[in-house]
């Protein structure tokens, strides 16, 4: 009789242990969409988070590179998609056929930037192109021959032949559009 009781106890202990494992696995699996906030290690500066640590060595080219860009609070502020990317030196990365999506404070899509050729300065976070580039949003589209865009402040300049198309003109004018 004592051996039968110990066998029951052993079975119930196993079942308890398995249910504990299953429950903890489900609890951990529930946080599937949690994104870890990038934090600097004690030896690195806060500026090292984001685009500073692009995983490219000098002289090598990567195809189909996709890079997220986070701010100091861990919010997504941009996403780079390049057909090819190569590191020119420690502070400059060259992109070909770059498509960049910026996000607002609520991590909602804001601007779309398209450029055929661009260089990102990792120190200043300024993306520069000497070829025709286009910035678009739901209410406008603007293109210019040369472009400088600060990926931190989301401010930029276009020069050369600049052309802008405004959509939803009634909303901008505050009522009826002027003719």
C-alpha atoms as a PDB file:
ATOM      1  CA  UNK A   1       0.000   0.000   0.000  1.00  0.00           C
ATOM      2  CA  UNK A   2       2.719   2.594   0.771  1.00  0.00           C
ATOM      3  CA  UNK A   3       4.249   2.181  -2.675  1.00  0.00           C
ATOM      4  CA  UNK A   4       0.920   2.945  -4.343  1.00  0.00           C
ATOM      5  CA  UNK A   5       0.505   6.166  -2.374  1.00  0.00           C
ATOM      6  CA  UNK A   6       4.014   7.340  -3.281  1.00  0.00           C
ATOM      7  CA  UNK A   7       3.313   6.586  -6.944  1.00  0.00           C
ATOM      8  CA  UNK A   8       0.142   8.733  -6.807  1.00  0.00           C
ATOM      9  CA  UNK A   9       2.043  11.502  -5.093  1.00  0.00           C
ATOM     10  CA  UNK A  10       4.813  11.278  -7.708  1.00  0.00           C
ATOM     11  CA  UNK A  11       2.253  11.458 -10.544  1.00  0.00           C
ATOM     12  CA  UNK A  12       0.494  14.445  -9.030  1.00  0.00           C
ATOM     13  CA  UNK A  13       3.849  16.171  -8.489  1.00  0.00           C
ATOM     14  CA  UNK A  14       4.741  15.603 -12.149  1.00  0.00           C
ATOM     15  CA  UNK A  15       1.382  16.939 -13.293  1.00  0.00           C
ATOM     16  CA  UNK A  16       1.787  19.992 -11.077  1.00  0.00           C
ATOM     17  CA  UNK A  17       5.271  20.599 -12.438  1.00  0.00           C
ATOM     18  CA  UNK A  18       4.093  20.210 -16.061  1.00  0.00           C
ATOM     19  CA  UNK A  19       1.149  22.556 -15.523  1.00  0.00           C
ATOM     20  CA  UNK A  20       3.520  25.078 -13.923  1.00  0.00           C
ATOM     21  CA  UNK A  21       5.822  24.879 -16.958  1.00  0.00           C
ATOM     22  CA  UNK A  22       2.916  25.182 -19.367  1.00  0.00           C
ATOM     23  CA  UNK A  23       1.473  28.157 -17.489  1.00  0.00           C
ATOM     24  CA  UNK A  24       4.803  29.975 -17.377  1.00  0.00           C
ATOM     25  CA  UNK A  25       5.357  29.266 -21.064  1.00  0.00           C
ATOM     26  CA  UNK A  26       1.998  30.790 -21.930  1.00  0.00           C
ATOM     27  CA  UNK A  27       2.700  33.804 -19.741  1.00  0.00           C
ATOM     28  CA  UNK A  28       6.028  34.405 -21.458  1.00  0.00           C
ATOM     29  CA  UNK A  29       4.534  33.778 -24.897  1.00  0.00           C
ATOM     30  CA  UNK A  30       1.912  36.471 -24.305  1.00  0.00           C
ATOM     31  CA  UNK A  31       4.520  39.216 -24.527  1.00  0.00           C
ATOM     32  CA  UNK A  32       5.285  38.331 -28.123  1.00  0.00           C
ATOM     33  CA  UNK A  33       4.978  41.887 -29.454  1.00  0.00           C
ATOM     34  CA  UNK A  34       7.028  43.500 -26.706  1.00  0.00           C
ATOM     35  CA  UNK A  35       9.972  45.436 -28.079  1.00  0.00           C
ATOM     36  CA  UNK A  36      12.944  45.883 -25.851  1.00  0.00           C
ATOM     37  CA  UNK A  37      14.010  49.455 -25.311  1.00  0.00           C
ATOM     38  CA  UNK A  38      17.592  50.011 -26.407  1.00  0.00           C
ATOM     39  CA  UNK A  39      19.747  51.124 -23.532  1.00  0.00           C
ATOM     40  CA  UNK A  40      23.389  52.094 -23.690  1.00  0.00           C
ATOM     41  CA  UNK A  41      25.895  49.964 -21.846  1.00  0.00           C
ATOM     42  CA  UNK A  42      27.892  51.773 -19.148  1.00  0.00           C
ATOM     43  CA  UNK A  43      30.844  52.315 -21.500  1.00  0.00           C
ATOM     44  CA  UNK A  44      28.899  53.758 -24.439  1.00  0.00           C
ATOM     45  CA  UNK A  45      27.212  57.109 -24.900  1.00  0.00           C
ATOM     46  CA  UNK A  46      23.444  57.460 -25.445  1.00  0.00           C
ATOM     47  CA  UNK A  47      24.154  58.656 -28.993  1.00  0.00           C
ATOM     48  CA  UNK A  48      25.408  55.165 -29.873  1.00  0.00           C
ATOM     49  CA  UNK A  49      21.845  53.838 -29.943  1.00  0.00           C
ATOM     50  CA  UNK A  50      20.067  53.626 -33.284  1.00  0.00           C
ATOM     51  CA  UNK A  51      21.810  54.185 -36.582  1.00  0.00           C
ATOM     52  CA  UNK A  52      25.306  54.493 -35.095  1.00  0.00           C
ATOM     53  CA  UNK A  53      25.753  50.722 -34.870  1.00  0.00           C
ATOM     54  CA  UNK A  54      24.965  49.687 -38.442  1.00  0.00           C
ATOM     55  CA  UNK A  55      26.318  46.147 -38.848  1.00  0.00           C
ATOM     56  CA  UNK A  56      28.561  46.858 -41.834  1.00  0.00           C
ATOM     57  CA  UNK A  57      32.318  46.800 -42.042  1.00  0.00           C
ATOM     58  CA  UNK A  58      34.218  49.351 -44.089  1.00  0.00           C
ATOM     59  CA  UNK A  59      34.387  48.382 -47.752  1.00  0.00           C
ATOM     60  CA  UNK A  60      31.684  45.710 -47.655  1.00  0.00           C
ATOM     61  CA  UNK A  61      28.308  45.938 -49.352  1.00  0.00           C
ATOM     62  CA  UNK A  62      25.025  44.555 -48.035  1.00  0.00           C
ATOM     63  CA  UNK A  63      22.037  43.875 -50.265  1.00  0.00           C
ATOM     64  CA  UNK A  64      18.454  44.285 -49.106  1.00  0.00           C
ATOM     65  CA  UNK A  65      19.373  46.026 -45.855  1.00  0.00           C
ATOM     66  CA  UNK A  66      16.520  47.014 -43.530  1.00  0.00           C
ATOM     67  CA  UNK A  67      17.381  49.177 -40.519  1.00  0.00           C
ATOM     68  CA  UNK A  68      15.102  50.499 -37.799  1.00  0.00           C
ATOM     69  CA  UNK A  69      15.935  53.842 -36.192  1.00  0.00           C
ATOM     70  CA  UNK A  70      14.965  54.410 -32.544  1.00  0.00           C
ATOM     71  CA  UNK A  71      15.141  57.553 -30.425  1.00  0.00           C
ATOM     72  CA  UNK A  72      16.497  57.755 -26.869  1.00  0.00           C
ATOM     73  CA  UNK A  73      13.153  56.680 -25.379  1.00  0.00           C
ATOM     74  CA  UNK A  74      13.075  53.545 -27.537  1.00  0.00           C
ATOM     75  CA  UNK A  75      10.357  54.785 -29.907  1.00  0.00           C
ATOM     76  CA  UNK A  76      10.591  53.891 -33.576  1.00  0.00           C
ATOM     77  CA  UNK A  77      11.293  57.107 -35.520  1.00  0.00           C
ATOM     78  CA  UNK A  78      12.372  55.693 -38.885  1.00  0.00           C
ATOM     79  CA  UNK A  79      12.903  52.628 -41.023  1.00  0.00           C
ATOM     80  CA  UNK A  80      15.487  52.381 -43.802  1.00  0.00           C
ATOM     81  CA  UNK A  81      15.149  49.932 -46.694  1.00  0.00           C
ATOM     82  CA  UNK A  82      18.015  49.980 -49.175  1.00  0.00           C
ATOM     83  CA  UNK A  83      18.702  47.845 -52.220  1.00  0.00           C
ATOM     84  CA  UNK A  84      22.395  48.084 -51.331  1.00  0.00           C
ATOM     85  CA  UNK A  85      24.312  49.698 -48.499  1.00  0.00           C
ATOM     86  CA  UNK A  86      28.046  50.015 -47.966  1.00  0.00           C
ATOM     87  CA  UNK A  87      30.100  51.639 -45.247  1.00  0.00           C
ATOM     88  CA  UNK A  88      32.486  54.199 -46.728  1.00  0.00           C
ATOM     89  CA  UNK A  89      34.325  54.849 -43.444  1.00  0.00           C
ATOM     90  CA  UNK A  90      33.546  54.801 -39.714  1.00  0.00           C
ATOM     91  CA  UNK A  91      31.139  57.755 -40.019  1.00  0.00           C
ATOM     92  CA  UNK A  92      29.512  57.414 -43.471  1.00  0.00           C
ATOM     93  CA  UNK A  93      27.189  54.830 -45.047  1.00  0.00           C
ATOM     94  CA  UNK A  94      26.273  54.901 -48.740  1.00  0.00           C
ATOM     95  CA  UNK A  95      22.765  53.747 -49.734  1.00  0.00           C
ATOM     96  CA  UNK A  96      21.408  52.935 -53.201  1.00  0.00           C
ATOM     97  CA  UNK A  97      17.671  52.860 -53.942  1.00  0.00           C
ATOM     98  CA  UNK A  98      16.805  53.934 -50.414  1.00  0.00           C
ATOM     99  CA  UNK A  99      13.229  54.037 -49.188  1.00  0.00           C
ATOM    100  CA  UNK A 100      12.824  55.533 -45.754  1.00  0.00           C
ATOM    101  CA  UNK A 101       9.658  55.672 -43.657  1.00  0.00           C
ATOM    102  CA  UNK A 102       9.511  58.111 -40.749  1.00  0.00           C
ATOM    103  CA  UNK A 103       7.156  57.787 -37.795  1.00  0.00           C
ATOM    104  CA  UNK A 104       5.586  60.383 -35.511  1.00  0.00           C
ATOM    105  CA  UNK A 105       5.566  60.409 -31.676  1.00  0.00           C
ATOM    106  CA  UNK A 106       2.784  57.797 -31.625  1.00  0.00           C
ATOM    107  CA  UNK A 107       4.804  55.549 -33.974  1.00  0.00           C
ATOM    108  CA  UNK A 108       2.337  56.148 -36.810  1.00  0.00           C
ATOM    109  CA  UNK A 109       3.702  56.467 -40.394  1.00  0.00           C
ATOM    110  CA  UNK A 110       4.522  60.056 -41.308  1.00  0.00           C
ATOM    111  CA  UNK A 111       6.867  60.761 -44.257  1.00  0.00           C
ATOM    112  CA  UNK A 112       8.084  58.489 -47.031  1.00  0.00           C
ATOM    113  CA  UNK A 113      11.419  59.411 -48.550  1.00  0.00           C
ATOM    114  CA  UNK A 114      12.756  57.886 -51.750  1.00  0.00           C
ATOM    115  CA  UNK A 115      16.234  58.501 -53.133  1.00  0.00           C
ATOM    116  CA  UNK A 116      18.302  56.645 -55.672  1.00  0.00           C
ATOM    117  CA  UNK A 117      21.628  57.477 -54.043  1.00  0.00           C
ATOM    118  CA  UNK A 118      22.378  58.845 -50.571  1.00  0.00           C
ATOM    119  CA  UNK A 119      25.033  59.105 -47.890  1.00  0.00           C
ATOM    120  CA  UNK A 120      24.235  59.048 -44.186  1.00  0.00           C
ATOM    121  CA  UNK A 121      26.623  60.812 -41.815  1.00  0.00           C
ATOM    122  CA  UNK A 122      26.443  58.763 -38.611  1.00  0.00           C
ATOM    123  CA  UNK A 123      27.764  61.601 -36.436  1.00  0.00           C
ATOM    124  CA  UNK A 124      25.282  64.278 -37.527  1.00  0.00           C
ATOM    125  CA  UNK A 125      22.521  61.790 -38.573  1.00  0.00           C
ATOM    126  CA  UNK A 126      22.074  63.801 -41.793  1.00  0.00           C
ATOM    127  CA  UNK A 127      21.138  61.916 -44.947  1.00  0.00           C
ATOM    128  CA  UNK A 128      22.369  63.673 -48.080  1.00  0.00           C
ATOM    129  CA  UNK A 129      21.755  63.056 -51.767  1.00  0.00           C
ATOM    130  CA  UNK A 130      23.031  64.816 -54.874  1.00  0.00           C
ATOM    131  CA  UNK A 131      20.427  63.073 -57.041  1.00  0.00           C
ATOM    132  CA  UNK A 132      16.705  63.702 -57.400  1.00  0.00           C
ATOM    133  CA  UNK A 133      14.823  62.674 -54.262  1.00  0.00           C
ATOM    134  CA  UNK A 134      11.177  62.651 -53.255  1.00  0.00           C
ATOM    135  CA  UNK A 135       9.365  63.169 -49.946  1.00  0.00           C
ATOM    136  CA  UNK A 136       5.712  62.229 -49.722  1.00  0.00           C
ATOM    137  CA  UNK A 137       2.976  62.223 -47.130  1.00  0.00           C
ATOM    138  CA  UNK A 138      -0.778  61.745 -47.402  1.00  0.00           C
ATOM    139  CA  UNK A 139      -1.349  65.449 -48.138  1.00  0.00           C
ATOM    140  CA  UNK A 140       1.647  66.375 -50.320  1.00  0.00           C
ATOM    141  CA  UNK A 141       4.535  65.201 -52.471  1.00  0.00           C
ATOM    142  CA  UNK A 142       7.720  67.189 -53.024  1.00  0.00           C
ATOM    143  CA  UNK A 143      10.788  66.372 -55.118  1.00  0.00           C
ATOM    144  CA  UNK A 144      14.095  68.130 -55.655  1.00  0.00           C
ATOM    145  CA  UNK A 145      17.453  67.670 -57.367  1.00  0.00           C
ATOM    146  CA  UNK A 146      19.446  67.617 -54.110  1.00  0.00           C
ATOM    147  CA  UNK A 147      18.366  66.821 -50.584  1.00  0.00           C
ATOM    148  CA  UNK A 148      19.604  66.979 -46.991  1.00  0.00           C
ATOM    149  CA  UNK A 149      17.452  65.326 -44.332  1.00  0.00           C
ATOM    150  CA  UNK A 150      18.140  65.201 -40.596  1.00  0.00           C
ATOM    151  CA  UNK A 151      16.917  61.805 -39.379  1.00  0.00           C
ATOM    152  CA  UNK A 152      16.772  63.034 -35.776  1.00  0.00           C
ATOM    153  CA  UNK A 153      14.691  66.202 -36.218  1.00  0.00           C
ATOM    154  CA  UNK A 154      12.887  65.115 -39.424  1.00  0.00           C
ATOM    155  CA  UNK A 155      13.753  68.426 -41.053  1.00  0.00           C
ATOM    156  CA  UNK A 156      15.326  68.740 -44.447  1.00  0.00           C
ATOM    157  CA  UNK A 157      16.085  70.919 -47.418  1.00  0.00           C
ATOM    158  CA  UNK A 158      15.552  70.373 -51.120  1.00  0.00           C
ATOM    159  CA  UNK A 159      17.384  72.383 -53.754  1.00  0.00           C
ATOM    160  CA  UNK A 160      17.661  72.552 -57.517  1.00  0.00           C
ATOM    161  CA  UNK A 161      14.474  72.053 -59.487  1.00  0.00           C
ATOM    162  CA  UNK A 162      11.876  71.567 -56.767  1.00  0.00           C
ATOM    163  CA  UNK A 163       8.313  70.526 -57.570  1.00  0.00           C
ATOM    164  CA  UNK A 164       5.527  70.184 -55.009  1.00  0.00           C
ATOM    165  CA  UNK A 165       2.058  68.718 -55.389  1.00  0.00           C
ATOM    166  CA  UNK A 166      -0.484  69.398 -52.650  1.00  0.00           C
ATOM    167  CA  UNK A 167      -3.423  67.062 -52.127  1.00  0.00           C
ATOM    168  CA  UNK A 168      -6.526  67.969 -50.070  1.00  0.00           C
ATOM    169  CA  UNK A 169      -6.122  71.676 -50.792  1.00  0.00           C
ATOM    170  CA  UNK A 170      -9.499  72.380 -49.163  1.00  0.00           C
ATOM    171  CA  UNK A 171      -8.195  71.219 -45.787  1.00  0.00           C
ATOM    172  CA  UNK A 172      -5.113  73.460 -46.039  1.00  0.00           C
ATOM    173  CA  UNK A 173      -7.076  76.512 -47.198  1.00  0.00           C
ATOM    174  CA  UNK A 174      -9.578  76.050 -44.371  1.00  0.00           C
ATOM    175  CA  UNK A 175     -12.707  75.650 -46.440  1.00  0.00           C
ATOM    176  CA  UNK A 176     -13.310  76.256 -50.125  1.00  0.00           C
ATOM    177  CA  UNK A 177     -10.209  76.225 -52.294  1.00  0.00           C
ATOM    178  CA  UNK A 178      -9.325  79.538 -53.955  1.00  0.00           C
ATOM    179  CA  UNK A 179      -9.461  79.596 -57.734  1.00  0.00           C
END
